[in-house]
Amino acid sequence: MTLSWNAAANATSYNIYRGGTQIGNTTGTTYVDSNLGMGRYPYFLKSVDANGLLSTPSETVTVNIASDGYIIIGEEGLATNDLLPSYSYFNYSLTQQIYTADEIGAAGLITEIAFFNSGTKKNRNYDFYLKSTTKDAFFDPNDWEVVTDDDKVFSGRVTMTEDDWTVIFLDTPFEYDGVSNLVLVSDDNSGVWSYSPHMSCRVFNAPNQALLIYSDDINYNPDHPTSYNGALISVKNQIALRVESATPSAAYFIRAGI
């Protein structure tokens, strides 16, 4: 994994820190950190002048290291929620969830999305959409992101496996730029509901980054959602993304302030 930065005035070298611990020093403006296991790693650096004096820390950037080609967002997601990515107790539901560039941490072609269902096995009909966004949260219950058919990445029946990851292979892979935030839209148009116990997928804390609505009577149109009065919730799904040819995103460039 490679970090890079602009040269700082009067700097003779740079100390590199991972998680608050110095891991290296270099006279150049790049640093390669090797043999990392899966996880999230925060980095910052300090410049060193000719007298050995250290600057204040740079900004911190966080890098996601994937497992078996997957980037897992929300590793701590042991809590579960019945409502995301959809509510199997109702015929129809529409949900939107925001994942930030810092959480994703890599650019590349997204070919698979996976959810971990800790609840009961359910069969649901889904349309999934992916879209780059400047939003980092939803402002209110009507603050839906409008999508089009060009944003649709999957359409079909999904068996949400019990107590395991369910992998969804995208019909149309999504080219992610590594800079924008990403909105994941889940349109459950199954037209059937099921009794408790429900599908219940892993979630983690994320205030106002998930917006949802569900009904037995309305098959929601994700192309025109702004008239729907949804509900904001304080969690979002733990997900796994397969990102092919994943490269460090622009977030891995450590900017000035040193």
Protein backbone atom coordinates (compact mmCIF):
# COMPACT_ATOMS: atom_id res chain seq x y z
CA MET A 1 0.00 0.00 0.00
CA THR A 2 1.54 3.32 -1.12
CA LEU A 3 1.15 6.72 0.54
CA SER A 4 2.20 9.93 -1.18
CA TRP A 5 2.27 13.64 -0.33
CA ASN A 6 3.56 17.01 -1.50
CA ALA A 7 6.96 18.17 -0.32
CA ALA A 8 6.86 20.49 2.69
CA ALA A 9 8.97 23.65 2.92
CA ASN A 10 12.22 23.18 4.91
CA ALA A 11 11.62 19.45 5.32
CA THR A 12 14.64 17.14 5.17
CA SER A 13 12.65 13.97 5.87
CA TYR A 14 9.25 12.70 6.96
CA ASN A 15 8.12 10.45 9.82
CA ILE A 16 5.23 8.14 8.89
CA TYR A 17 2.74 7.02 11.55
CA ARG A 18 0.16 4.22 11.49
CA GLY A 19 -2.40 4.29 14.29
CA GLY A 20 -0.29 6.80 16.21
CA THR A 21 2.91 4.71 16.10
CA GLN A 22 5.85 5.73 13.95
CA ILE A 23 6.53 3.04 11.34
CA GLY A 24 9.13 4.70 9.15
CA ASN A 25 11.09 7.71 7.96
CA THR A 26 11.89 8.74 4.41
CA THR A 27 13.52 11.62 2.60
CA GLY A 28 11.16 11.20 -0.34
CA THR A 29 7.45 11.92 -0.74
CA THR A 30 6.17 8.34 -0.97
CA TYR A 31 6.12 5.43 1.44
CA VAL A 32 5.15 1.78 0.94
CA ASP A 33 3.64 -0.10 3.89
CA SER A 34 3.72 -3.84 3.20
CA ASN A 35 2.36 -7.11 4.66
CA LEU A 36 -0.81 -5.62 6.08
CA GLY A 37 -3.65 -7.87 7.16
CA MET A 38 -7.32 -7.11 6.63
CA GLY A 39 -8.49 -4.01 8.46
CA ARG A 40 -8.64 -0.22 8.55
CA TYR A 41 -5.37 1.64 9.04
CA PRO A 42 -5.13 5.36 9.86
CA TYR A 43 -1.98 7.16 8.70
CA PHE A 44 -0.48 10.60 9.20
CA LEU A 45 3.00 12.07 8.91
CA LYS A 46 5.23 14.78 10.35
CA SER A 47 8.00 16.58 8.51
CA VAL A 48 11.46 16.85 10.06
CA ASP A 49 13.62 19.94 9.45
CA ALA A 50 17.42 20.25 9.42
CA ASN A 51 17.45 20.83 13.18
CA GLY A 52 15.42 17.68 13.86
CA LEU A 53 12.29 19.61 14.77
CA LEU A 54 8.96 17.98 13.98
CA SER A 55 5.99 19.69 12.35
CA THR A 56 2.44 19.33 13.55
CA PRO A 57 0.72 16.18 12.21
CA SER A 58 -0.69 16.12 8.70
CA GLU A 59 -4.29 15.18 8.11
CA THR A 60 -5.10 11.53 8.84
CA VAL A 61 -6.16 9.22 6.03
CA THR A 62 -7.67 5.78 6.61
CA VAL A 63 -6.93 2.84 4.33
CA ASN A 64 -9.16 -0.24 3.97
CA ILE A 65 -7.33 -3.52 3.36
CA ALA A 66 -9.64 -6.13 1.88
CA SER A 67 -10.05 -9.84 2.63
CA ASP A 68 -10.02 -12.18 -0.39
CA GLY A 69 -10.64 -9.26 -2.73
CA TYR A 70 -13.46 -7.81 -0.62
CA ILE A 71 -13.58 -4.48 1.12
CA ILE A 72 -15.65 -4.91 4.28
CA ILE A 73 -17.31 -1.75 5.55
CA GLY A 74 -18.35 -1.87 9.18
CA GLU A 75 -16.19 -4.72 10.48
CA GLU A 76 -17.63 -4.22 13.94
CA GLY A 77 -21.17 -4.74 12.64
CA LEU A 78 -22.47 -7.35 15.07
CA ALA A 79 -25.78 -5.56 15.71
CA THR A 80 -28.64 -6.43 13.35
CA ASN A 81 -31.67 -4.62 11.96
CA ASP A 82 -34.80 -5.98 10.26
CA LEU A 83 -35.28 -2.92 8.02
CA LEU A 84 -32.09 -2.89 5.95
CA PRO A 85 -31.56 -3.53 3.10
CA SER A 86 -35.31 -4.22 3.12
CA TYR A 87 -38.11 -5.22 5.49
CA SER A 88 -39.36 -8.73 4.67
CA TYR A 89 -42.50 -8.23 6.80
CA PHE A 90 -43.89 -5.93 4.07
CA ASN A 91 -44.56 -6.43 0.36
CA TYR A 92 -42.45 -3.50 -0.78
CA SER A 93 -39.68 -1.30 0.54
CA LEU A 94 -37.18 1.26 -0.67
CA THR A 95 -33.96 2.04 1.18
CA GLN A 96 -30.96 4.25 0.48
CA GLN A 97 -27.63 4.07 2.32
CA ILE A 98 -24.58 6.31 2.01
CA TYR A 99 -21.03 4.93 2.18
CA THR A 100 -18.22 7.45 2.27
CA ALA A 101 -15.04 7.46 0.21
CA ASP A 102 -13.07 7.10 3.43
CA GLU A 103 -15.01 3.96 4.33
CA ILE A 104 -14.53 2.39 0.90
CA GLY A 105 -10.93 3.48 0.64
CA ALA A 106 -10.13 2.24 -2.88
CA ALA A 107 -10.99 2.97 -6.49
CA GLY A 108 -11.88 0.23 -8.95
CA LEU A 109 -14.67 -1.76 -10.56
CA ILE A 110 -17.32 -2.91 -8.06
CA THR A 111 -18.53 -6.32 -9.26
CA GLU A 112 -20.19 -7.79 -6.13
CA ILE A 113 -22.07 -6.60 -3.05
CA ALA A 114 -22.66 -8.81 -0.02
CA PHE A 115 -24.85 -8.55 3.09
CA PHE A 116 -24.63 -10.68 6.23
CA ASN A 117 -28.10 -11.92 7.23
CA SER A 118 -28.18 -12.99 10.88
CA GLY A 119 -31.91 -13.66 10.67
CA THR A 120 -34.08 -16.14 8.81
CA LYS A 121 -33.50 -17.13 5.19
CA LYS A 122 -35.72 -15.06 2.86
CA ASN A 123 -36.26 -14.88 -0.88
CA ARG A 124 -36.72 -11.32 -2.15
CA ASN A 125 -36.90 -9.60 -5.52
CA TYR A 126 -34.48 -6.68 -5.71
CA ASP A 127 -33.36 -3.89 -7.95
CA PHE A 128 -30.07 -2.46 -6.68
CA TYR A 129 -28.63 0.86 -7.78
CA LEU A 130 -25.23 2.46 -7.18
CA LYS A 131 -24.56 6.15 -7.68
CA SER A 132 -21.79 8.57 -6.77
CA THR A 133 -22.97 11.39 -4.52
CA THR A 134 -21.69 14.47 -2.74
CA LYS A 135 -23.97 13.75 0.22
CA ASP A 136 -22.41 12.46 3.40
CA ALA A 137 -25.79 12.22 5.16
CA PHE A 138 -29.49 12.62 4.46
CA PHE A 139 -30.90 15.98 5.52
CA ASP A 140 -34.51 14.97 6.16
CA PRO A 141 -37.04 12.15 5.46
CA ASN A 142 -37.60 13.46 1.91
CA ASP A 143 -33.93 13.87 1.00
CA TRP A 144 -33.83 10.92 -1.39
CA GLU A 145 -31.13 10.57 -4.02
CA VAL A 146 -32.79 10.35 -7.44
CA VAL A 147 -31.54 7.46 -9.59
CA THR A 148 -32.22 6.35 -13.16
CA ASP A 149 -32.07 3.07 -15.03
CA ASP A 150 -28.47 3.92 -15.91
CA ASP A 151 -27.64 3.57 -12.19
CA LYS A 152 -29.18 0.10 -11.90
CA VAL A 153 -26.54 -2.57 -11.26
CA PHE A 154 -28.72 -5.62 -10.45
CA SER A 155 -32.25 -6.88 -10.97
CA GLY A 156 -33.47 -10.29 -9.87
CA ARG A 157 -34.39 -12.72 -7.12
CA VAL A 158 -32.02 -13.02 -4.18
CA THR A 159 -31.95 -15.71 -1.52
CA MET A 160 -30.75 -14.01 1.66
CA THR A 161 -28.95 -16.91 3.32
CA GLU A 162 -29.39 -17.47 7.05
CA ASP A 163 -26.41 -16.61 9.29
CA ASP A 164 -24.03 -16.08 6.38
CA TRP A 165 -22.93 -13.65 3.69
CA THR A 166 -25.19 -13.38 0.65
CA VAL A 167 -23.20 -12.30 -2.39
CA ILE A 168 -24.96 -10.41 -5.19
CA PHE A 169 -23.13 -10.52 -8.52
CA LEU A 170 -23.83 -7.26 -10.30
CA ASP A 171 -25.38 -7.38 -13.77
CA THR A 172 -23.62 -4.11 -14.53
CA PRO A 173 -20.38 -3.55 -12.58
CA PHE A 174 -19.91 -0.04 -11.22
CA GLU A 175 -16.77 1.98 -11.92
CA TYR A 176 -15.99 3.69 -8.61
CA ASP A 177 -13.67 6.70 -8.67
CA GLY A 178 -12.40 6.38 -5.08
CA VAL A 179 -13.20 10.02 -4.36
CA SER A 180 -16.99 10.37 -4.29
CA ASN A 181 -19.31 9.03 -1.65
CA LEU A 182 -21.55 6.19 -2.78
CA VAL A 183 -25.29 5.72 -2.36
CA LEU A 184 -26.63 2.17 -2.39
CA VAL A 185 -30.32 1.98 -3.32
CA SER A 186 -32.28 -1.20 -2.54
CA ASP A 187 -35.70 -1.49 -4.19
CA ASP A 188 -37.51 -4.55 -2.82
CA ASN A 189 -40.40 -5.15 -5.19
CA SER A 190 -41.19 -8.71 -4.05
CA GLY A 191 -44.92 -8.12 -3.66
CA VAL A 192 -45.08 -10.68 -0.82
CA TRP A 193 -44.36 -10.61 2.89
CA SER A 194 -43.49 -13.20 5.50
CA TYR A 195 -44.06 -13.71 9.20
CA SER A 196 -41.53 -13.33 11.97
CA PRO A 197 -38.71 -14.24 12.41
CA HIS A 198 -37.55 -11.79 9.78
CA MET A 199 -34.48 -11.29 7.69
CA SER A 200 -32.14 -9.26 9.91
CA CYS A 201 -28.83 -8.07 8.48
CA ARG A 202 -25.76 -6.74 10.26
CA VAL A 203 -25.57 -2.99 10.81
CA PHE A 204 -23.31 -0.45 12.46
CA ASN A 205 -23.77 3.06 13.79
CA ALA A 206 -24.16 5.71 11.06
CA PRO A 207 -26.46 8.61 11.99
CA ASN A 208 -28.65 9.87 9.13
CA GLN A 209 -26.87 7.75 6.50
CA ALA A 210 -29.85 5.47 5.88
CA LEU A 211 -33.29 6.45 4.61
CA LEU A 212 -36.18 4.00 4.20
CA ILE A 213 -39.85 3.47 3.53
CA TYR A 214 -42.01 0.34 3.32
CA SER A 215 -45.60 -0.59 2.52
CA ASP A 216 -47.91 -3.42 1.56
CA ASP A 217 -49.66 -1.29 -1.08
CA ILE A 218 -47.08 0.91 -2.83
CA ASN A 219 -44.43 -0.50 -5.12
CA TYR A 220 -42.02 2.41 -4.83
CA ASN A 221 -40.37 3.99 -7.85
CA PRO A 222 -36.70 4.74 -7.11
CA ASP A 223 -36.60 7.03 -10.18
CA HIS A 224 -39.06 9.44 -8.53
CA PRO A 225 -38.66 9.06 -4.77
CA THR A 226 -38.78 12.67 -3.59
CA SER A 227 -42.53 12.59 -2.88
CA TYR A 228 -42.11 9.73 -0.41
CA ASN A 229 -41.98 10.66 3.27
CA GLY A 230 -39.45 8.14 4.56
CA ALA A 231 -37.70 7.65 7.87
CA LEU A 232 -34.10 8.37 8.84
CA ILE A 233 -32.37 5.81 11.03
CA SER A 234 -29.05 5.84 12.86
CA VAL A 235 -27.54 2.62 11.46
CA LYS A 236 -26.61 1.22 8.04
CA ASN A 237 -25.70 -2.21 6.74
CA GLN A 238 -22.33 -3.78 7.13
CA ILE A 239 -21.48 -4.66 3.53
CA ALA A 240 -18.69 -6.29 1.57
CA LEU A 241 -17.69 -4.97 -1.85
CA ARG A 242 -15.53 -6.77 -4.36
CA VAL A 243 -13.51 -4.06 -6.06
CA GLU A 244 -11.48 -5.32 -8.99
CA SER A 245 -8.15 -3.67 -9.74
CA ALA A 246 -8.59 -1.77 -6.51
CA THR A 247 -6.03 1.00 -6.26
CA PRO A 248 -5.39 3.48 -3.46
CA SER A 249 -7.88 6.29 -3.82
CA ALA A 250 -7.18 10.00 -3.71
CA ALA A 251 -7.94 9.76 0.00
CA TYR A 252 -4.55 8.05 0.39
CA PHE A 253 -2.81 11.22 -0.73
CA ILE A 254 -1.77 12.99 2.46
CA ARG A 255 -2.35 16.67 2.02
CA ALA A 256 -0.45 19.63 3.45
CA GLY A 257 -0.65 20.86 7.00
CA ILE A 258 2.85 19.75 7.84
